[in-house]
C-alpha atoms as a PDB file:
ATOM      1  CA  UNK A   1       4.868 -16.779   3.432  1.00  0.00           C
ATOM      2  CA  UNK A   2       7.192 -13.514   2.717  1.00  0.00           C
ATOM      3  CA  UNK A   3       6.789 -10.525   4.822  1.00  0.00           C
ATOM      4  CA  UNK A   4       8.458  -7.483   5.669  1.00  0.00           C
ATOM      5  CA  UNK A   5      10.270  -7.467   9.181  1.00  0.00           C
ATOM      6  CA  UNK A   6      12.104  -3.801   8.804  1.00  0.00           C
ATOM      7  CA  UNK A   7      10.457  -1.105  11.356  1.00  0.00           C
ATOM      8  CA  UNK A   8       8.629   0.986   9.848  1.00  0.00           C
ATOM      9  CA  UNK A   9       9.342   4.393  11.234  1.00  0.00           C
ATOM     10  CA  UNK A  10      13.245   3.652  10.657  1.00  0.00           C
ATOM     11  CA  UNK A  11      12.525   3.094   7.200  1.00  0.00           C
ATOM     12  CA  UNK A  12      10.217   6.171   6.770  1.00  0.00           C
ATOM     13  CA  UNK A  13      13.156   8.066   8.275  1.00  0.00           C
ATOM     14  CA  UNK A  14      15.902   6.739   6.061  1.00  0.00           C
ATOM     15  CA  UNK A  15      14.000   7.417   2.885  1.00  0.00           C
ATOM     16  CA  UNK A  16      12.157  10.935   3.899  1.00  0.00           C
ATOM     17  CA  UNK A  17       9.005   9.152   3.364  1.00  0.00           C
ATOM     18  CA  UNK A  18       5.925   8.486   5.288  1.00  0.00           C
ATOM     19  CA  UNK A  19       5.190   4.612   4.948  1.00  0.00           C
ATOM     20  CA  UNK A  20       2.205   4.509   6.886  1.00  0.00           C
ATOM     21  CA  UNK A  21       1.032   8.012   4.836  1.00  0.00           C
ATOM     22  CA  UNK A  22       0.366  10.195   8.245  1.00  0.00           C
ATOM     23  CA  UNK A  23       3.268  11.631   8.348  1.00  0.00           C
ATOM     24  CA  UNK A  24       3.846  11.021  11.766  1.00  0.00           C
ATOM     25  CA  UNK A  25       7.051   8.827  11.733  1.00  0.00           C
ATOM     26  CA  UNK A  26       8.468  12.239  10.436  1.00  0.00           C
ATOM     27  CA  UNK A  27       7.498  14.717  12.823  1.00  0.00           C
ATOM     28  CA  UNK A  28       9.961  14.123  15.792  1.00  0.00           C
ATOM     29  CA  UNK A  29      13.423  13.353  13.684  1.00  0.00           C
ATOM     30  CA  UNK A  30      12.386  14.294   9.783  1.00  0.00           C
ATOM     31  CA  UNK A  31      16.255  12.752   8.666  1.00  0.00           C
ATOM     32  CA  UNK A  32      18.150   9.659   8.796  1.00  0.00           C
ATOM     33  CA  UNK A  33      18.392   7.079  11.685  1.00  0.00           C
ATOM     34  CA  UNK A  34      21.717   6.176  13.278  1.00  0.00           C
ATOM     35  CA  UNK A  35      24.359   8.779  14.608  1.00  0.00           C
ATOM     36  CA  UNK A  36      25.030  10.677  10.855  1.00  0.00           C
ATOM     37  CA  UNK A  37      21.987  10.935  10.530  1.00  0.00           C
ATOM     38  CA  UNK A  38      21.504  14.601  11.255  1.00  0.00           C
ATOM     39  CA  UNK A  39      24.582  15.552   9.294  1.00  0.00           C
ATOM     40  CA  UNK A  40      24.304  16.719   5.946  1.00  0.00           C
ATOM     41  CA  UNK A  41      24.296  14.535   3.031  1.00  0.00           C
ATOM     42  CA  UNK A  42      25.958  15.094  -0.169  1.00  0.00           C
ATOM     43  CA  UNK A  43      23.663  15.289  -3.238  1.00  0.00           C
ATOM     44  CA  UNK A  44      22.168  11.811  -4.720  1.00  0.00           C
ATOM     45  CA  UNK A  45      22.800  10.959  -8.434  1.00  0.00           C
ATOM     46  CA  UNK A  46      20.213   9.846 -10.406  1.00  0.00           C
ATOM     47  CA  UNK A  47      20.678   6.284  -9.568  1.00  0.00           C
ATOM     48  CA  UNK A  48      20.394   7.001  -6.445  1.00  0.00           C
ATOM     49  CA  UNK A  49      16.962   8.842  -6.559  1.00  0.00           C
ATOM     50  CA  UNK A  50      15.398   6.201  -8.879  1.00  0.00           C
ATOM     51  CA  UNK A  51      16.432   3.686  -6.106  1.00  0.00           C
ATOM     52  CA  UNK A  52      15.151   5.597  -3.552  1.00  0.00           C
ATOM     53  CA  UNK A  53      11.765   6.253  -5.483  1.00  0.00           C
ATOM     54  CA  UNK A  54      11.790   2.147  -6.142  1.00  0.00           C
ATOM     55  CA  UNK A  55      12.038   1.548  -2.074  1.00  0.00           C
ATOM     56  CA  UNK A  56       9.428   4.008  -1.120  1.00  0.00           C
ATOM     57  CA  UNK A  57       7.571   2.434  -3.407  1.00  0.00           C
ATOM     58  CA  UNK A  58       7.878  -1.126  -2.438  1.00  0.00           C
ATOM     59  CA  UNK A  59       7.622  -0.143   1.456  1.00  0.00           C
ATOM     60  CA  UNK A  60       4.487   1.863   1.444  1.00  0.00           C
ATOM     61  CA  UNK A  61       2.998  -1.191  -0.262  1.00  0.00           C
ATOM     62  CA  UNK A  62       4.227  -3.577   1.831  1.00  0.00           C
ATOM     63  CA  UNK A  63       5.612  -5.822  -0.942  1.00  0.00           C
ATOM     64  CA  UNK A  64       8.953  -7.913  -1.243  1.00  0.00           C
ATOM     65  CA  UNK A  65      11.753  -7.246  -3.999  1.00  0.00           C
ATOM     66  CA  UNK A  66      10.601  -9.880  -6.241  1.00  0.00           C
ATOM     67  CA  UNK A  67       6.850  -8.993  -5.927  1.00  0.00           C
ATOM     68  CA  UNK A  68       7.460  -5.774  -6.970  1.00  0.00           C
ATOM     69  CA  UNK A  69       9.530  -6.525  -9.564  1.00  0.00           C
ATOM     70  CA  UNK A  70       7.227  -8.771 -10.835  1.00  0.00           C
ATOM     71  CA  UNK A  71       4.177  -6.919 -10.915  1.00  0.00           C
ATOM     72  CA  UNK A  72       6.426  -4.211 -12.288  1.00  0.00           C
ATOM     73  CA  UNK A  73       6.726  -6.666 -15.437  1.00  0.00           C
ATOM     74  CA  UNK A  74       3.026  -7.162 -15.337  1.00  0.00           C
ATOM     75  CA  UNK A  75       2.263  -3.378 -15.759  1.00  0.00           C
ATOM     76  CA  UNK A  76       4.553  -3.456 -18.771  1.00  0.00           C
ATOM     77  CA  UNK A  77       2.431  -6.153 -20.510  1.00  0.00           C
ATOM     78  CA  UNK A  78      -0.288  -4.176 -20.121  1.00  0.00           C
ATOM     79  CA  UNK A  79      -1.450  -1.038 -22.641  1.00  0.00           C
ATOM     80  CA  UNK A  80      -1.194   2.477 -21.566  1.00  0.00           C
ATOM     81  CA  UNK A  81       1.645   4.346 -19.357  1.00  0.00           C
ATOM     82  CA  UNK A  82       3.448   1.623 -17.693  1.00  0.00           C
ATOM     83  CA  UNK A  83       4.373   3.424 -14.512  1.00  0.00           C
ATOM     84  CA  UNK A  84       0.289   4.271 -13.983  1.00  0.00           C
ATOM     85  CA  UNK A  85      -0.416   1.103 -14.693  1.00  0.00           C
ATOM     86  CA  UNK A  86       1.907  -0.445 -12.130  1.00  0.00           C
ATOM     87  CA  UNK A  87       0.332   1.322  -9.759  1.00  0.00           C
ATOM     88  CA  UNK A  88      -3.062   0.525 -10.267  1.00  0.00           C
ATOM     89  CA  UNK A  89      -1.802  -3.086 -10.075  1.00  0.00           C
ATOM     90  CA  UNK A  90      -0.961  -2.068  -6.574  1.00  0.00           C
ATOM     91  CA  UNK A  91      -3.655  -0.755  -5.218  1.00  0.00           C
ATOM     92  CA  UNK A  92      -5.664  -3.644  -6.904  1.00  0.00           C
ATOM     93  CA  UNK A  93      -3.967  -5.472  -4.467  1.00  0.00           C
ATOM     94  CA  UNK A  94      -6.508  -7.235  -1.735  1.00  0.00           C
ATOM     95  CA  UNK A  95      -4.717  -6.388   1.141  1.00  0.00           C
ATOM     96  CA  UNK A  96      -4.546  -2.888   0.360  1.00  0.00           C
ATOM     97  CA  UNK A  97      -7.973  -2.641  -0.481  1.00  0.00           C
ATOM     98  CA  UNK A  98      -9.067  -4.094   2.289  1.00  0.00           C
ATOM     99  CA  UNK A  99      -7.072  -1.088   3.872  1.00  0.00           C
ATOM    100  CA  UNK A 100      -8.219   1.301   1.571  1.00  0.00           C
ATOM    101  CA  UNK A 101     -12.153   0.127   2.803  1.00  0.00           C
ATOM    102  CA  UNK A 102     -10.905   0.934   6.351  1.00  0.00           C
ATOM    103  CA  UNK A 103     -11.400  -2.147   7.515  1.00  0.00           C
ATOM    104  CA  UNK A 104      -7.443  -2.087   9.257  1.00  0.00           C
ATOM    105  CA  UNK A 105      -5.487   0.964  10.109  1.00  0.00           C
ATOM    106  CA  UNK A 106      -2.338  -0.266   8.656  1.00  0.00           C
ATOM    107  CA  UNK A 107      -1.488  -2.228   5.611  1.00  0.00           C
ATOM    108  CA  UNK A 108       0.519  -5.183   7.729  1.00  0.00           C
ATOM    109  CA  UNK A 109      -3.001  -5.264   9.796  1.00  0.00           C
ATOM    110  CA  UNK A 110      -4.809  -5.782   6.270  1.00  0.00           C
ATOM    111  CA  UNK A 111      -2.825  -7.878   5.148  1.00  0.00           C
ATOM    112  CA  UNK A 112      -2.861 -10.483   8.516  1.00  0.00           C
ATOM    113  CA  UNK A 113      -6.456 -10.093   8.084  1.00  0.00           C
ATOM    114  CA  UNK A 114      -6.523 -11.550   4.572  1.00  0.00           C
ATOM    115  CA  UNK A 115      -3.485 -14.535   5.717  1.00  0.00           C
ATOM    116  CA  UNK A 116      -5.908 -15.253   8.435  1.00  0.00           C
ATOM    117  CA  UNK A 117      -8.833 -15.979   6.209  1.00  0.00           C
ATOM    118  CA  UNK A 118     -11.113 -13.428   7.653  1.00  0.00           C
ATOM    119  CA  UNK A 119     -11.821 -11.900   4.215  1.00  0.00           C
ATOM    120  CA  UNK A 120     -14.513 -12.594   1.904  1.00  0.00           C
ATOM    121  CA  UNK A 121     -14.514 -11.709  -2.360  1.00  0.00           C
ATOM    122  CA  UNK A 122     -17.863 -11.680  -3.948  1.00  0.00           C
ATOM    123  CA  UNK A 123     -18.428 -14.194  -0.820  1.00  0.00           C
ATOM    124  CA  UNK A 124     -16.260 -16.642  -1.328  1.00  0.00           C
ATOM    125  CA  UNK A 125     -12.627 -16.535   1.630  1.00  0.00           C
ATOM    126  CA  UNK A 126      -9.775 -15.346  -0.422  1.00  0.00           C
ATOM    127  CA  UNK A 127      -6.542 -15.589   1.660  1.00  0.00           C
ATOM    128  CA  UNK A 128      -4.057 -14.348  -0.700  1.00  0.00           C
ATOM    129  CA  UNK A 129      -2.768 -10.763   0.113  1.00  0.00           C
ATOM    130  CA  UNK A 130      -1.795 -10.089  -3.528  1.00  0.00           C
ATOM    131  CA  UNK A 131      -5.035 -11.456  -5.186  1.00  0.00           C
ATOM    132  CA  UNK A 132      -5.703  -8.672  -7.805  1.00  0.00           C
ATOM    133  CA  UNK A 133      -9.544  -7.539  -6.939  1.00  0.00           C
ATOM    134  CA  UNK A 134     -11.385  -6.237 -10.019  1.00  0.00           C
ATOM    135  CA  UNK A 135     -13.491  -3.456 -10.525  1.00  0.00           C
ATOM    136  CA  UNK A 136     -17.220  -4.698  -9.289  1.00  0.00           C
ATOM    137  CA  UNK A 137     -16.415  -6.812  -6.771  1.00  0.00           C
ATOM    138  CA  UNK A 138     -17.376  -7.029  -3.391  1.00  0.00           C
ATOM    139  CA  UNK A 139     -14.899  -7.203  -0.051  1.00  0.00           C
ATOM    140  CA  UNK A 140     -16.254  -8.184   3.293  1.00  0.00           C
ATOM    141  CA  UNK A 141     -15.041  -9.175   6.986  1.00  0.00           C
ATOM    142  CA  UNK A 142     -16.242 -12.706   7.711  1.00  0.00           C
ATOM    143  CA  UNK A 143     -18.968 -12.823  10.367  1.00  0.00           C
ATOM    144  CA  UNK A 144     -17.631 -14.242  13.189  1.00  0.00           C
ATOM    145  CA  UNK A 145     -14.937 -10.899  12.644  1.00  0.00           C
ATOM    146  CA  UNK A 146     -17.168  -8.224  12.498  1.00  0.00           C
ATOM    147  CA  UNK A 147     -17.717  -7.730  15.934  1.00  0.00           C
ATOM    148  CA  UNK A 148     -13.713  -7.566  16.255  1.00  0.00           C
ATOM    149  CA  UNK A 149     -11.884  -4.740  18.283  1.00  0.00           C
ATOM    150  CA  UNK A 150      -9.176  -3.771  15.713  1.00  0.00           C
ATOM    151  CA  UNK A 151     -11.578  -3.783  13.150  1.00  0.00           C
ATOM    152  CA  UNK A 152     -14.239  -1.820  14.711  1.00  0.00           C
ATOM    153  CA  UNK A 153     -10.963   0.531  15.762  1.00  0.00           C
ATOM    154  CA  UNK A 154     -10.036   0.979  12.338  1.00  0.00           C
ATOM    155  CA  UNK A 155     -13.727   2.054  11.462  1.00  0.00           C
ATOM    156  CA  UNK A 156     -13.785   4.503  13.648  1.00  0.00           C
ATOM    157  CA  UNK A 157     -10.619   6.310  13.113  1.00  0.00           C
ATOM    158  CA  UNK A 158     -11.388   7.421   9.901  1.00  0.00           C
ATOM    159  CA  UNK A 159     -14.107   9.350   8.336  1.00  0.00           C
ATOM    160  CA  UNK A 160     -13.977   8.829   4.812  1.00  0.00           C
ATOM    161  CA  UNK A 161     -12.692   6.741   1.955  1.00  0.00           C
ATOM    162  CA  UNK A 162     -11.054   7.542  -1.419  1.00  0.00           C
ATOM    163  CA  UNK A 163     -13.816   7.664  -4.357  1.00  0.00           C
ATOM    164  CA  UNK A 164     -12.740   4.884  -5.826  1.00  0.00           C
ATOM    165  CA  UNK A 165     -14.097   2.539  -2.832  1.00  0.00           C
ATOM    166  CA  UNK A 166     -16.831   2.049  -1.063  1.00  0.00           C
ATOM    167  CA  UNK A 167     -17.814   1.028   2.530  1.00  0.00           C
ATOM    168  CA  UNK A 168     -21.088  -0.211   4.451  1.00  0.00           C
ATOM    169  CA  UNK A 169     -19.547   0.333   8.029  1.00  0.00           C
ATOM    170  CA  UNK A 170     -22.641  -1.195   9.792  1.00  0.00           C
ATOM    171  CA  UNK A 171     -22.749  -4.186   7.529  1.00  0.00           C
ATOM    172  CA  UNK A 172     -18.220  -4.100   7.195  1.00  0.00           C
ATOM    173  CA  UNK A 173     -18.203  -4.494   3.401  1.00  0.00           C
ATOM    174  CA  UNK A 174     -17.115  -2.433   0.620  1.00  0.00           C
ATOM    175  CA  UNK A 175     -16.917  -2.272  -2.950  1.00  0.00           C
ATOM    176  CA  UNK A 176     -13.962  -1.800  -5.468  1.00  0.00           C
ATOM    177  CA  UNK A 177     -15.854   0.697  -7.973  1.00  0.00           C
ATOM    178  CA  UNK A 178     -13.327   1.230 -10.186  1.00  0.00           C
ATOM    179  CA  UNK A 179      -9.602   2.024 -10.798  1.00  0.00           C
ATOM    180  CA  UNK A 180      -8.103   5.099  -8.939  1.00  0.00           C
ATOM    181  CA  UNK A 181      -7.415   8.076 -11.079  1.00  0.00           C
ATOM    182  CA  UNK A 182      -3.323   9.325 -10.408  1.00  0.00           C
ATOM    183  CA  UNK A 183      -4.643  12.386  -9.175  1.00  0.00           C
ATOM    184  CA  UNK A 184      -6.218  10.096  -5.842  1.00  0.00           C
ATOM    185  CA  UNK A 185      -3.450   8.540  -4.777  1.00  0.00           C
ATOM    186  CA  UNK A 186       0.238   9.371  -2.852  1.00  0.00           C
ATOM    187  CA  UNK A 187       1.701  12.846  -4.578  1.00  0.00           C
ATOM    188  CA  UNK A 188       4.777  12.090  -2.870  1.00  0.00           C
ATOM    189  CA  UNK A 189       6.082   9.176  -5.102  1.00  0.00           C
ATOM    190  CA  UNK A 190       7.531   9.433  -8.967  1.00  0.00           C
ATOM    191  CA  UNK A 191       6.404   5.861 -10.532  1.00  0.00           C
ATOM    192  CA  UNK A 192       8.890   7.382 -13.589  1.00  0.00           C
ATOM    193  CA  UNK A 193      11.962   6.974 -11.567  1.00  0.00           C
ATOM    194  CA  UNK A 194      11.152   3.511 -10.685  1.00  0.00           C
ATOM    195  CA  UNK A 195      10.165   2.813 -15.124  1.00  0.00           C
ATOM    196  CA  UNK A 196      13.501   4.794 -15.390  1.00  0.00           C
ATOM    197  CA  UNK A 197      15.351   2.409 -12.881  1.00  0.00           C
ATOM    198  CA  UNK A 198      14.271  -0.790 -14.367  1.00  0.00           C
ATOM    199  CA  UNK A 199      14.628   0.278 -18.112  1.00  0.00           C
ATOM    200  CA  UNK A 200      18.305   1.853 -17.503  1.00  0.00           C
END
């Protein structure tokens, strides 16, 4: 199983972007790590900007380089705007939907729940984090994990969910209602730069 092992806070500081989407990583030191991180940096080239944006999105969703590129190729073959299709595919991953349903506080935690077989899709166990969830499918925590402290803590820590998912907090069950609209997703990322990166 491929997984990212880089320290999240250091990665966030290097990319000048909150990988956890909380902004917490950049509050204390909003400059790059290392002894020269606080020094003034040269203006980034177009290639450097594209590469940084690719890395921001890749670390945001916690996917490997190969998974990221394969998802992009799939998005290119779909009808519509490639950049938007790309984000929809990333958002439709099972580990991300578990995270969006607030069943875990982080995407890494959501991926662990899926990998260990604690998540059911339409009543069937699915332990593949990259499984693409279709609108209308139901996701729930299996019976033996519904009182797990990590799951309960995640549900208590968040008050609301995004509009494209709905959660039944009492039964630890949720539904992927529809594909997200672009305005509902992270406004700090620019997927067009990723399209430019791969089409250069």
